C-alpha cells in the first residue's frame, strides 16, 4: 500500500520514522506496524490486507500516531519552557 500522507517537509520522514520506532520499542520503523498489530491480535501481513476491518486498521494506526503526537507535544512544551528560562 502506498503512503498517502505527504509531509510538509519531506526531509523529516527519517526522523519521524525513527521516533515511531523509538516510542514503540520497535526493532525498526518498517516493522513497527506489524509489531503493534501482533500486540493487538490483528492479523496484519506484508502485502494486501484487504480483509482487515476499518476498526482493526484504526487500532494499529491510532496507537502509533497517538503516541507520536503525544511525544511531539511533550517535546514542544519542553522546548518552550527551556526558551523562557
N, C-alpha and C. Protein backbone atom coordinates (compact mmCIF):
# COMPACT_ATOMS: atom_id res chain seq x y z
N UNK A 1 0.84 -1.17 0.00
CA UNK A 1 0.00 0.00 0.00
C UNK A 1 0.89 1.24 0.00
N UNK A 2 0.63 2.16 -0.88
CA UNK A 2 1.44 3.37 -0.98
C UNK A 2 1.10 4.34 0.14
N UNK A 3 2.11 5.08 0.57
CA UNK A 3 1.87 6.10 1.59
C UNK A 3 1.12 7.26 0.95
N UNK A 4 0.00 7.62 1.54
CA UNK A 4 -0.78 8.73 1.01
C UNK A 4 -0.52 10.01 1.76
N UNK A 5 0.02 9.90 2.97
CA UNK A 5 0.30 11.09 3.76
C UNK A 5 1.54 11.78 3.22
N UNK A 6 1.37 13.05 2.88
CA UNK A 6 2.51 13.80 2.38
C UNK A 6 2.98 14.74 3.48
N UNK A 7 4.25 14.66 3.78
CA UNK A 7 4.82 15.54 4.78
C UNK A 7 5.05 16.92 4.19
N UNK A 8 4.84 17.94 5.00
CA UNK A 8 5.13 19.29 4.54
C UNK A 8 6.63 19.46 4.32
N UNK A 9 7.41 18.74 5.12
CA UNK A 9 8.86 18.77 4.99
C UNK A 9 9.30 17.31 4.75
N UNK A 10 9.41 16.91 3.48
CA UNK A 10 9.75 15.51 3.18
C UNK A 10 11.03 15.03 3.85
N UNK A 11 11.95 15.94 4.11
CA UNK A 11 13.20 15.56 4.75
C UNK A 11 12.99 15.07 6.18
N UNK A 12 11.80 15.30 6.74
CA UNK A 12 11.50 14.88 8.11
C UNK A 12 11.11 13.41 8.21
N UNK A 13 10.91 12.75 7.09
CA UNK A 13 10.45 11.36 7.09
C UNK A 13 11.34 10.45 7.94
N UNK A 14 12.64 10.52 7.76
CA UNK A 14 13.54 9.64 8.51
C UNK A 14 13.43 9.89 10.01
N UNK A 15 13.35 11.14 10.41
CA UNK A 15 13.22 11.47 11.83
C UNK A 15 11.92 10.96 12.42
N UNK A 16 10.83 11.11 11.68
CA UNK A 16 9.53 10.63 12.15
C UNK A 16 9.50 9.10 12.22
N UNK A 17 10.10 8.46 11.25
CA UNK A 17 10.16 7.00 11.28
C UNK A 17 10.96 6.51 12.49
N UNK A 18 12.05 7.21 12.79
CA UNK A 18 12.86 6.82 13.94
C UNK A 18 12.11 7.07 15.25
N UNK A 19 11.38 8.18 15.33
CA UNK A 19 10.56 8.48 16.50
C UNK A 19 9.53 7.37 16.72
N UNK A 20 8.90 6.95 15.64
CA UNK A 20 7.89 5.89 15.71
C UNK A 20 8.51 4.61 16.28
N UNK A 21 9.65 4.23 15.77
CA UNK A 21 10.30 3.01 16.24
C UNK A 21 10.73 3.14 17.70
N UNK A 22 11.27 4.29 18.06
CA UNK A 22 11.74 4.50 19.43
C UNK A 22 10.59 4.46 20.43
N UNK A 23 9.49 5.14 20.13
CA UNK A 23 8.36 5.21 21.06
C UNK A 23 7.69 3.86 21.28
N UNK A 24 7.70 3.04 20.27
CA UNK A 24 7.02 1.76 20.37
C UNK A 24 7.99 0.61 20.58
N UNK A 25 9.23 0.95 20.93
CA UNK A 25 10.26 -0.06 21.19
C UNK A 25 10.31 -1.11 20.08
N UNK A 26 10.29 -0.62 18.87
CA UNK A 26 10.29 -1.49 17.70
C UNK A 26 11.72 -1.75 17.24
N UNK A 27 11.89 -2.88 16.58
CA UNK A 27 13.21 -3.22 16.07
C UNK A 27 13.61 -2.31 14.90
N UNK A 28 12.62 -1.84 14.14
CA UNK A 28 12.88 -0.92 13.04
C UNK A 28 11.59 -0.19 12.68
N UNK A 29 11.70 1.00 12.07
CA UNK A 29 10.49 1.74 11.69
C UNK A 29 9.58 0.94 10.75
N UNK A 30 10.17 0.13 9.89
CA UNK A 30 9.38 -0.64 8.93
C UNK A 30 8.55 -1.73 9.61
N UNK A 31 9.04 -2.23 10.73
CA UNK A 31 8.34 -3.33 11.42
C UNK A 31 7.36 -2.86 12.48
N UNK A 32 7.34 -1.57 12.76
CA UNK A 32 6.51 -1.06 13.86
C UNK A 32 5.06 -1.47 13.73
N UNK A 33 4.45 -1.24 12.56
CA UNK A 33 3.02 -1.54 12.43
C UNK A 33 2.74 -3.03 12.59
N UNK A 34 3.67 -3.87 12.17
CA UNK A 34 3.46 -5.32 12.31
C UNK A 34 3.56 -5.74 13.78
N UNK A 35 4.48 -5.11 14.50
CA UNK A 35 4.64 -5.42 15.91
C UNK A 35 3.43 -4.94 16.72
N UNK A 36 2.92 -3.75 16.39
CA UNK A 36 1.73 -3.24 17.07
C UNK A 36 0.53 -4.13 16.76
N UNK A 37 0.40 -4.54 15.51
CA UNK A 37 -0.72 -5.41 15.12
C UNK A 37 -0.65 -6.73 15.88
N UNK A 38 0.54 -7.28 16.00
CA UNK A 38 0.69 -8.54 16.73
C UNK A 38 0.28 -8.38 18.18
N UNK A 39 0.69 -7.27 18.83
CA UNK A 39 0.30 -7.00 20.21
C UNK A 39 -1.21 -6.90 20.36
N UNK A 40 -1.87 -6.36 19.34
CA UNK A 40 -3.32 -6.17 19.38
C UNK A 40 -4.08 -7.42 18.93
N UNK A 41 -3.35 -8.43 18.46
CA UNK A 41 -4.00 -9.65 17.98
C UNK A 41 -4.65 -9.47 16.61
N UNK A 42 -4.12 -8.55 15.83
CA UNK A 42 -4.65 -8.25 14.49
C UNK A 42 -3.76 -8.92 13.45
N UNK A 43 -4.36 -9.68 12.54
CA UNK A 43 -3.58 -10.44 11.55
C UNK A 43 -3.08 -9.58 10.39
N UNK A 44 -2.14 -8.69 10.65
CA UNK A 44 -1.57 -7.84 9.60
C UNK A 44 -0.41 -8.58 8.95
N UNK A 45 -0.39 -8.58 7.64
CA UNK A 45 0.71 -9.24 6.94
C UNK A 45 1.25 -8.30 5.88
N UNK A 46 2.45 -8.58 5.41
CA UNK A 46 3.03 -7.77 4.34
C UNK A 46 2.24 -8.01 3.07
N UNK A 47 2.02 -6.95 2.32
CA UNK A 47 1.24 -7.05 1.10
C UNK A 47 -0.18 -6.58 1.34
N UNK A 48 -1.11 -7.18 0.65
CA UNK A 48 -2.52 -6.78 0.74
C UNK A 48 -3.15 -7.22 2.06
N UNK A 49 -3.88 -6.31 2.67
CA UNK A 49 -4.60 -6.59 3.90
C UNK A 49 -6.06 -6.16 3.75
N UNK A 50 -6.61 -6.40 2.59
CA UNK A 50 -7.98 -6.00 2.29
C UNK A 50 -9.04 -6.61 3.19
N UNK A 51 -8.69 -7.70 3.87
CA UNK A 51 -9.65 -8.34 4.75
C UNK A 51 -9.74 -7.70 6.13
N UNK A 52 -8.83 -6.78 6.43
CA UNK A 52 -8.87 -6.09 7.72
C UNK A 52 -10.07 -5.16 7.77
N UNK A 53 -10.68 -5.08 8.93
CA UNK A 53 -11.78 -4.13 9.09
C UNK A 53 -11.20 -2.74 9.34
N UNK A 54 -12.02 -1.74 9.17
CA UNK A 54 -11.61 -0.37 9.45
C UNK A 54 -11.21 -0.24 10.91
N UNK A 55 -11.94 -0.89 11.78
CA UNK A 55 -11.64 -0.84 13.21
C UNK A 55 -10.26 -1.41 13.50
N UNK A 56 -9.94 -2.55 12.88
CA UNK A 56 -8.63 -3.17 13.09
C UNK A 56 -7.50 -2.26 12.60
N UNK A 57 -7.67 -1.71 11.42
CA UNK A 57 -6.65 -0.83 10.86
C UNK A 57 -6.49 0.41 11.73
N UNK A 58 -7.59 0.93 12.23
CA UNK A 58 -7.54 2.11 13.10
C UNK A 58 -6.85 1.85 14.41
N UNK A 59 -7.00 0.63 14.94
CA UNK A 59 -6.33 0.29 16.20
C UNK A 59 -4.81 0.31 16.02
N UNK A 60 -4.37 -0.10 14.86
CA UNK A 60 -2.92 -0.11 14.59
C UNK A 60 -2.42 1.32 14.42
N UNK A 61 -3.01 2.03 13.47
CA UNK A 61 -2.56 3.40 13.18
C UNK A 61 -2.80 4.36 14.33
N UNK A 62 -3.89 4.18 15.04
CA UNK A 62 -4.20 5.06 16.16
C UNK A 62 -3.20 4.95 17.28
N UNK A 63 -2.78 3.74 17.55
CA UNK A 63 -1.81 3.52 18.60
C UNK A 63 -0.46 4.16 18.23
N UNK A 64 -0.08 4.00 16.99
CA UNK A 64 1.20 4.56 16.54
C UNK A 64 1.12 6.09 16.50
N UNK A 65 0.13 6.61 15.80
CA UNK A 65 0.01 8.06 15.64
C UNK A 65 -0.24 8.78 16.95
N UNK A 66 -1.06 8.18 17.81
CA UNK A 66 -1.36 8.81 19.09
C UNK A 66 -0.12 8.99 19.95
N UNK A 67 0.69 7.98 20.01
CA UNK A 67 1.92 8.08 20.80
C UNK A 67 2.88 9.11 20.20
N UNK A 68 2.94 9.15 18.87
CA UNK A 68 3.84 10.10 18.22
C UNK A 68 3.40 11.54 18.50
N UNK A 69 2.10 11.81 18.40
CA UNK A 69 1.59 13.15 18.64
C UNK A 69 1.84 13.57 20.09
N UNK A 70 1.56 12.68 21.03
CA UNK A 70 1.80 13.00 22.45
C UNK A 70 3.26 13.34 22.69
N UNK A 71 4.15 12.58 22.10
CA UNK A 71 5.58 12.83 22.30
C UNK A 71 6.01 14.15 21.66
N UNK A 72 5.50 14.43 20.47
CA UNK A 72 5.86 15.69 19.81
C UNK A 72 5.34 16.89 20.60
N UNK A 73 4.15 16.78 21.18
CA UNK A 73 3.61 17.86 22.01
C UNK A 73 4.47 18.01 23.27
N UNK A 74 4.84 16.90 23.88
CA UNK A 74 5.68 16.95 25.08
C UNK A 74 7.00 17.65 24.77
N UNK A 75 7.59 17.32 23.63
CA UNK A 75 8.87 17.93 23.26
C UNK A 75 8.72 19.42 22.99
N UNK A 76 7.63 19.81 22.33
CA UNK A 76 7.39 21.22 22.05
C UNK A 76 7.19 22.01 23.34
N UNK A 77 6.44 21.44 24.29
CA UNK A 77 6.24 22.11 25.58
C UNK A 77 7.56 22.26 26.32
N UNK A 78 8.36 21.22 26.28
CA UNK A 78 9.66 21.28 26.95
C UNK A 78 10.54 22.34 26.31
N UNK A 79 10.52 22.42 24.99
CA UNK A 79 11.31 23.42 24.28
C UNK A 79 10.85 24.83 24.64
N UNK A 80 9.54 25.04 24.73
CA UNK A 80 9.02 26.35 25.09
C UNK A 80 9.42 26.73 26.51
N UNK A 81 9.39 25.76 27.42
CA UNK A 81 9.82 26.03 28.80
C UNK A 81 11.29 26.39 28.84
N UNK A 82 12.10 25.69 28.07
CA UNK A 82 13.54 25.98 28.04
C UNK A 82 13.83 27.35 27.42
N UNK A 83 13.02 27.73 26.43
CA UNK A 83 13.21 29.02 25.79
C UNK A 83 12.87 30.19 26.71
N UNK A 84 12.01 29.97 27.70
CA UNK A 84 11.58 31.02 28.61
C UNK A 84 12.43 31.11 29.87
N UNK A 85 13.45 30.29 29.96
CA UNK A 85 14.31 30.32 31.14
C UNK A 85 15.46 31.28 30.95
